[in-house]
């Protein structure tokens, strides 16, 4: 499964707030990342080759986020 990772956000008034390691950091440094569904892993494969995790998708939809194209 491909998962959605929250890397951080920009509040209306303020600077970017990181939420944890980015996917790129995970790939380059071997740092684990955490998906919206709670899965923790070290990314290393092309996520476009896999279906989107239904739990991540449901959480993203409930928050009104745009779905990643895939």
PDB file of N, CA and C in Angstrom:
ATOM      1  N   UNK A   1       0.831  -1.193   0.000  1.00  0.00           N
ATOM      2  CA  UNK A   1       0.000   0.000   0.000  1.00  0.00           C
ATOM      3  C   UNK A   1       0.876   1.257   0.000  1.00  0.00           C
ATOM      4  N   UNK A   2       0.380   2.277  -0.634  1.00  0.00           N
ATOM      5  CA  UNK A   2       0.983   3.610  -0.558  1.00  0.00           C
ATOM      6  C   UNK A   2       0.263   4.350   0.568  1.00  0.00           C
ATOM      7  N   UNK A   3       0.985   5.150   1.312  1.00  0.00           N
ATOM      8  CA  UNK A   3       0.410   5.858   2.457  1.00  0.00           C
ATOM      9  C   UNK A   3       0.612   7.357   2.312  1.00  0.00           C
ATOM     10  N   UNK A   4      -0.184   8.138   3.035  1.00  0.00           N
ATOM     11  CA  UNK A   4      -0.068   9.591   3.058  1.00  0.00           C
ATOM     12  C   UNK A   4       0.690   9.975   4.324  1.00  0.00           C
ATOM     13  N   UNK A   5       1.774  10.742   4.162  1.00  0.00           N
ATOM     14  CA  UNK A   5       2.597  11.184   5.282  1.00  0.00           C
ATOM     15  C   UNK A   5       2.427  12.688   5.449  1.00  0.00           C
ATOM     16  N   UNK A   6       2.041  13.122   6.662  1.00  0.00           N
ATOM     17  CA  UNK A   6       1.947  14.546   6.967  1.00  0.00           C
ATOM     18  C   UNK A   6       3.343  15.024   7.334  1.00  0.00           C
ATOM     19  N   UNK A   7       3.911  15.869   6.489  1.00  0.00           N
ATOM     20  CA  UNK A   7       5.278  16.344   6.711  1.00  0.00           C
ATOM     21  C   UNK A   7       5.310  17.654   7.481  1.00  0.00           C
ATOM     22  N   UNK A   8       4.170  18.327   7.574  1.00  0.00           N
ATOM     23  CA  UNK A   8       4.083  19.582   8.292  1.00  0.00           C
ATOM     24  C   UNK A   8       2.967  20.430   7.717  1.00  0.00           C
ATOM     25  N   UNK A   9       2.820  21.639   8.241  1.00  0.00           N
ATOM     26  CA  UNK A   9       1.768  22.513   7.740  1.00  0.00           C
ATOM     27  C   UNK A   9       2.136  23.967   7.956  1.00  0.00           C
ATOM     28  N   UNK A  10       1.452  24.827   7.217  1.00  0.00           N
ATOM     29  CA  UNK A  10       1.622  26.280   7.341  1.00  0.00           C
ATOM     30  C   UNK A  10       0.375  26.842   8.013  1.00  0.00           C
ATOM     31  N   UNK A  11       0.472  27.321   9.252  1.00  0.00           N
ATOM     32  CA  UNK A  11      -0.686  27.976   9.863  1.00  0.00           C
ATOM     33  C   UNK A  11      -0.959  29.303   9.155  1.00  0.00           C
ATOM     34  N   UNK A  12      -2.156  29.829   9.324  1.00  0.00           N
ATOM     35  CA  UNK A  12      -2.511  31.087   8.665  1.00  0.00           C
ATOM     36  C   UNK A  12      -1.542  32.203   9.027  1.00  0.00           C
ATOM     37  N   UNK A  13      -1.177  32.286  10.292  1.00  0.00           N
ATOM     38  CA  UNK A  13      -0.244  33.321  10.740  1.00  0.00           C
ATOM     39  C   UNK A  13       0.992  32.657  11.318  1.00  0.00           C
ATOM     40  N   UNK A  14       1.993  32.429  10.472  1.00  0.00           N
ATOM     41  CA  UNK A  14       3.212  31.832  11.001  1.00  0.00           C
ATOM     42  C   UNK A  14       3.990  31.047   9.974  1.00  0.00           C
ATOM     43  N   UNK A  15       5.090  30.518  10.451  1.00  0.00           N
ATOM     44  CA  UNK A  15       5.990  29.767   9.593  1.00  0.00           C
ATOM     45  C   UNK A  15       5.607  28.289   9.565  1.00  0.00           C
ATOM     46  N   UNK A  16       6.190  27.581   8.630  1.00  0.00           N
ATOM     47  CA  UNK A  16       5.977  26.151   8.467  1.00  0.00           C
ATOM     48  C   UNK A  16       6.321  25.412   9.765  1.00  0.00           C
ATOM     49  N   UNK A  17       5.459  24.490  10.164  1.00  0.00           N
ATOM     50  CA  UNK A  17       5.681  23.685  11.363  1.00  0.00           C
ATOM     51  C   UNK A  17       5.876  22.235  10.926  1.00  0.00           C
ATOM     52  N   UNK A  18       7.081  21.686  11.101  1.00  0.00           N
ATOM     53  CA  UNK A  18       7.298  20.301  10.692  1.00  0.00           C
ATOM     54  C   UNK A  18       6.554  19.337  11.620  1.00  0.00           C
ATOM     55  N   UNK A  19       6.046  18.247  11.047  1.00  0.00           N
ATOM     56  CA  UNK A  19       5.316  17.242  11.824  1.00  0.00           C
ATOM     57  C   UNK A  19       6.150  15.989  12.024  1.00  0.00           C
ATOM     58  N   UNK A  20       7.338  15.975  11.479  1.00  0.00           N
ATOM     59  CA  UNK A  20       8.194  14.801  11.596  1.00  0.00           C
ATOM     60  C   UNK A  20       9.083  14.705  10.381  1.00  0.00           C
ATOM     61  N   UNK A  21       9.811  13.607  10.271  1.00  0.00           N
ATOM     62  CA  UNK A  21      10.694  13.448   9.112  1.00  0.00           C
ATOM     63  C   UNK A  21       9.895  13.426   7.801  1.00  0.00           C
ATOM     64  N   UNK A  22      10.463  14.011   6.768  1.00  0.00           N
ATOM     65  CA  UNK A  22       9.825  13.994   5.460  1.00  0.00           C
ATOM     66  C   UNK A  22      10.122  12.679   4.760  1.00  0.00           C
ATOM     67  N   UNK A  23       9.360  12.399   3.727  1.00  0.00           N
ATOM     68  CA  UNK A  23       9.578  11.181   2.951  1.00  0.00           C
ATOM     69  C   UNK A  23      10.975  11.202   2.330  1.00  0.00           C
ATOM     70  N   UNK A  24      11.403  12.359   1.860  1.00  0.00           N
ATOM     71  CA  UNK A  24      12.740  12.464   1.260  1.00  0.00           C
ATOM     72  C   UNK A  24      13.812  12.144   2.304  1.00  0.00           C
ATOM     73  N   UNK A  25      13.663  12.685   3.520  1.00  0.00           N
ATOM     74  CA  UNK A  25      14.610  12.350   4.594  1.00  0.00           C
ATOM     75  C   UNK A  25      14.623  10.847   4.847  1.00  0.00           C
ATOM     76  N   UNK A  26      13.450  10.261   4.833  1.00  0.00           N
ATOM     77  CA  UNK A  26      13.354   8.831   5.060  1.00  0.00           C
ATOM     78  C   UNK A  26      14.093   8.020   4.020  1.00  0.00           C
ATOM     79  N   UNK A  27      13.947   8.420   2.772  1.00  0.00           N
ATOM     80  CA  UNK A  27      14.615   7.715   1.679  1.00  0.00           C
ATOM     81  C   UNK A  27      16.121   7.911   1.756  1.00  0.00           C
ATOM     82  N   UNK A  28      16.559   9.158   1.928  1.00  0.00           N
ATOM     83  CA  UNK A  28      17.987   9.475   1.904  1.00  0.00           C
ATOM     84  C   UNK A  28      18.712   8.984   3.153  1.00  0.00           C
ATOM     85  N   UNK A  29      18.116   9.221   4.333  1.00  0.00           N
ATOM     86  CA  UNK A  29      18.796   8.931   5.591  1.00  0.00           C
ATOM     87  C   UNK A  29      18.359   7.627   6.257  1.00  0.00           C
ATOM     88  N   UNK A  30      17.349   6.970   5.683  1.00  0.00           N
ATOM     89  CA  UNK A  30      16.844   5.758   6.313  1.00  0.00           C
ATOM     90  C   UNK A  30      16.060   6.047   7.579  1.00  0.00           C
ATOM     91  N   UNK A  31      15.454   7.238   7.643  1.00  0.00           N
ATOM     92  CA  UNK A  31      14.679   7.653   8.813  1.00  0.00           C
ATOM     93  C   UNK A  31      13.234   7.177   8.672  1.00  0.00           C
ATOM     94  N   UNK A  32      12.673   6.548   9.696  1.00  0.00           N
ATOM     95  CA  UNK A  32      11.266   6.141   9.617  1.00  0.00           C
ATOM     96  C   UNK A  32      10.328   7.349   9.556  1.00  0.00           C
ATOM     97  N   UNK A  33       9.236   7.189   8.827  1.00  0.00           N
ATOM     98  CA  UNK A  33       8.186   8.205   8.729  1.00  0.00           C
ATOM     99  C   UNK A  33       6.890   7.570   9.227  1.00  0.00           C
ATOM    100  N   UNK A  34       5.896   8.424   9.541  1.00  0.00           N
ATOM    101  CA  UNK A  34       4.615   7.904  10.010  1.00  0.00           C
ATOM    102  C   UNK A  34       3.499   8.379   9.099  1.00  0.00           C
ATOM    103  N   UNK A  35       2.658   7.434   8.689  1.00  0.00           N
ATOM    104  CA  UNK A  35       1.515   7.730   7.837  1.00  0.00           C
ATOM    105  C   UNK A  35       0.337   8.202   8.679  1.00  0.00           C
ATOM    106  N   UNK A  36      -0.661   8.777   8.011  1.00  0.00           N
ATOM    107  CA  UNK A  36      -1.868   9.212   8.713  1.00  0.00           C
ATOM    108  C   UNK A  36      -2.537   8.063   9.451  1.00  0.00           C
ATOM    109  N   UNK A  37      -2.445   6.858   8.894  1.00  0.00           N
ATOM    110  CA  UNK A  37      -3.084   5.689   9.505  1.00  0.00           C
ATOM    111  C   UNK A  37      -2.309   5.149  10.696  1.00  0.00           C
ATOM    112  N   UNK A  38      -1.095   5.666  10.922  1.00  0.00           N
ATOM    113  CA  UNK A  38      -0.287   5.224  12.041  1.00  0.00           C
ATOM    114  C   UNK A  38       0.869   4.306  11.668  1.00  0.00           C
ATOM    115  N   UNK A  39       0.878   3.793  10.446  1.00  0.00           N
ATOM    116  CA  UNK A  39       1.969   2.912  10.030  1.00  0.00           C
ATOM    117  C   UNK A  39       3.290   3.680  10.057  1.00  0.00           C
ATOM    118  N   UNK A  40       4.333   3.047  10.590  1.00  0.00           N
ATOM    119  CA  UNK A  40       5.670   3.631  10.636  1.00  0.00           C
ATOM    120  C   UNK A  40       6.584   2.724   9.833  1.00  0.00           C
ATOM    121  N   UNK A  41       7.357   3.307   8.904  1.00  0.00           N
ATOM    122  CA  UNK A  41       8.263   2.532   8.059  1.00  0.00           C
ATOM    123  C   UNK A  41       9.319   3.447   7.456  1.00  0.00           C
ATOM    124  N   UNK A  42      10.341   2.835   6.884  1.00  0.00           N
ATOM    125  CA  UNK A  42      11.367   3.587   6.164  1.00  0.00           C
ATOM    126  C   UNK A  42      11.005   3.500   4.682  1.00  0.00           C
ATOM    127  N   UNK A  43      10.654   4.634   4.057  1.00  0.00           N
ATOM    128  CA  UNK A  43      10.248   4.596   2.652  1.00  0.00           C
ATOM    129  C   UNK A  43      11.413   4.219   1.739  1.00  0.00           C
ATOM    130  N   UNK A  44      11.078   3.521   0.674  1.00  0.00           N
ATOM    131  CA  UNK A  44      12.125   3.144  -0.254  1.00  0.00           C
ATOM    132  C   UNK A  44      11.613   2.683  -1.600  1.00  0.00           C
ATOM    133  N   UNK A  45      10.301   2.640  -1.767  1.00  0.00           N
ATOM    134  CA  UNK A  45       9.718   2.181  -3.032  1.00  0.00           C
ATOM    135  C   UNK A  45       8.868   3.286  -3.642  1.00  0.00           C
ATOM    136  N   UNK A  46       8.627   3.179  -4.941  1.00  0.00           N
ATOM    137  CA  UNK A  46       7.803   4.149  -5.658  1.00  0.00           C
ATOM    138  C   UNK A  46       6.343   3.967  -5.247  1.00  0.00           C
ATOM    139  N   UNK A  47       5.751   4.929  -4.524  1.00  0.00           N
ATOM    140  CA  UNK A  47       4.379   4.762  -4.048  1.00  0.00           C
ATOM    141  C   UNK A  47       3.340   4.730  -5.163  1.00  0.00           C
ATOM    142  N   UNK A  48       3.678   5.249  -6.340  1.00  0.00           N
ATOM    143  CA  UNK A  48       2.706   5.258  -7.434  1.00  0.00           C
ATOM    144  C   UNK A  48       2.458   3.865  -7.999  1.00  0.00           C
ATOM    145  N   UNK A  49       3.276   2.900  -7.590  1.00  0.00           N
ATOM    146  CA  UNK A  49       3.098   1.531  -8.063  1.00  0.00           C
ATOM    147  C   UNK A  49       2.113   0.746  -7.198  1.00  0.00           C
ATOM    148  N   UNK A  50       1.586   1.374  -6.134  1.00  0.00           N
ATOM    149  CA  UNK A  50       0.747   0.673  -5.173  1.00  0.00           C
ATOM    150  C   UNK A  50      -0.572   1.417  -4.957  1.00  0.00           C
ATOM    151  N   UNK A  51      -1.618   0.697  -4.558  1.00  0.00           N
ATOM    152  CA  UNK A  51      -2.889   1.376  -4.259  1.00  0.00           C
ATOM    153  C   UNK A  51      -2.775   2.172  -2.968  1.00  0.00           C
ATOM    154  N   UNK A  52      -3.572   3.234  -2.867  1.00  0.00           N
ATOM    155  CA  UNK A  52      -3.559   4.103  -1.692  1.00  0.00           C
ATOM    156  C   UNK A  52      -4.224   3.395  -0.517  1.00  0.00           C
ATOM    157  N   UNK A  53      -3.603   3.475   0.635  1.00  0.00           N
ATOM    158  CA  UNK A  53      -4.133   2.892   1.871  1.00  0.00           C
ATOM    159  C   UNK A  53      -5.543   3.458   2.112  1.00  0.00           C
ATOM    160  N   UNK A  54      -6.542   2.591   2.275  1.00  0.00           N
ATOM    161  CA  UNK A  54      -7.904   3.102   2.471  1.00  0.00           C
ATOM    162  C   UNK A  54      -8.066   3.909   3.762  1.00  0.00           C
ATOM    163  N   UNK A  55      -7.328   3.574   4.798  1.00  0.00           N
ATOM    164  CA  UNK A  55      -7.428   4.328   6.053  1.00  0.00           C
ATOM    165  C   UNK A  55      -6.845   5.722   5.889  1.00  0.00           C
ATOM    166  N   UNK A  56      -5.673   5.834   5.246  1.00  0.00           N
ATOM    167  CA  UNK A  56      -5.082   7.147   4.975  1.00  0.00           C
ATOM    168  C   UNK A  56      -6.030   7.986   4.120  1.00  0.00           C
ATOM    169  N   UNK A  57      -6.614   7.359   3.105  1.00  0.00           N
ATOM    170  CA  UNK A  57      -7.528   8.063   2.206  1.00  0.00           C
ATOM    171  C   UNK A  57      -8.748   8.572   2.969  1.00  0.00           C
ATOM    172  N   UNK A  58      -9.309   7.734   3.838  1.00  0.00           N
ATOM    173  CA  UNK A  58     -10.484   8.123   4.621  1.00  0.00           C
ATOM    174  C   UNK A  58     -10.166   9.286   5.553  1.00  0.00           C
ATOM    175  N   UNK A  59      -9.013   9.243   6.201  1.00  0.00           N
ATOM    176  CA  UNK A  59      -8.610  10.326   7.104  1.00  0.00           C
ATOM    177  C   UNK A  59      -8.427  11.623   6.320  1.00  0.00           C
ATOM    178  N   UNK A  60      -7.736  11.544   5.182  1.00  0.00           N
ATOM    179  CA  UNK A  60      -7.506  12.734   4.351  1.00  0.00           C
ATOM    180  C   UNK A  60      -8.831  13.331   3.877  1.00  0.00           C
ATOM    181  N   UNK A  61      -9.765  12.474   3.454  1.00  0.00           N
ATOM    182  CA  UNK A  61     -11.064  12.955   3.001  1.00  0.00           C
ATOM    183  C   UNK A  61     -11.829  13.627   4.137  1.00  0.00           C
ATOM    184  N   UNK A  62     -11.742  13.055   5.348  1.00  0.00           N
ATOM    185  CA  UNK A  62     -12.458  13.631   6.477  1.00  0.00           C
ATOM    186  C   UNK A  62     -11.905  15.006   6.850  1.00  0.00           C
ATOM    187  N   UNK A  63     -10.651  15.256   6.504  1.00  0.00           N
ATOM    188  CA  UNK A  63     -10.034  16.552   6.777  1.00  0.00           C
ATOM    189  C   UNK A  63     -10.208  17.530   5.608  1.00  0.00           C
ATOM    190  N   UNK A  64     -10.844  17.056   4.529  1.00  0.00           N
ATOM    191  CA  UNK A  64     -11.107  17.909   3.373  1.00  0.00           C
ATOM    192  C   UNK A  64      -9.896  18.137   2.491  1.00  0.00           C
ATOM    193  N   UNK A  65      -8.895  17.252   2.575  1.00  0.00           N
ATOM    194  CA  UNK A  65      -7.693  17.391   1.764  1.00  0.00           C
ATOM    195  C   UNK A  65      -7.915  16.858   0.368  1.00  0.00           C
ATOM    196  N   UNK A  66      -7.182  17.430  -0.583  1.00  0.00           N
ATOM    197  CA  UNK A  66      -7.180  16.921  -1.957  1.00  0.00           C
ATOM    198  C   UNK A  66      -6.504  15.555  -1.959  1.00  0.00           C
ATOM    199  N   UNK A  67      -7.020  14.666  -2.764  1.00  0.00           N
ATOM    200  CA  UNK A  67      -6.437  13.327  -2.856  1.00  0.00           C
ATOM    201  C   UNK A  67      -5.222  13.350  -3.789  1.00  0.00           C
ATOM    202  N   UNK A  68      -4.160  12.666  -3.404  1.00  0.00           N
ATOM    203  CA  UNK A  68      -3.000  12.606  -4.293  1.00  0.00           C
ATOM    204  C   UNK A  68      -3.383  11.889  -5.579  1.00  0.00           C
ATOM    205  N   UNK A  69      -2.831  12.357  -6.681  1.00  0.00           N
ATOM    206  CA  UNK A  69      -3.100  11.693  -7.953  1.00  0.00           C
ATOM    207  C   UNK A  69      -2.262  10.434  -8.025  1.00  0.00           C
ATOM    208  N   UNK A  70      -2.808   9.413  -8.614  1.00  0.00           N
ATOM    209  CA  UNK A  70      -2.067   8.175  -8.666  1.00  0.00           C
ATOM    210  C   UNK A  70      -2.490   7.250  -9.730  1.00  0.00           C
TER     211      UNK A  70
END
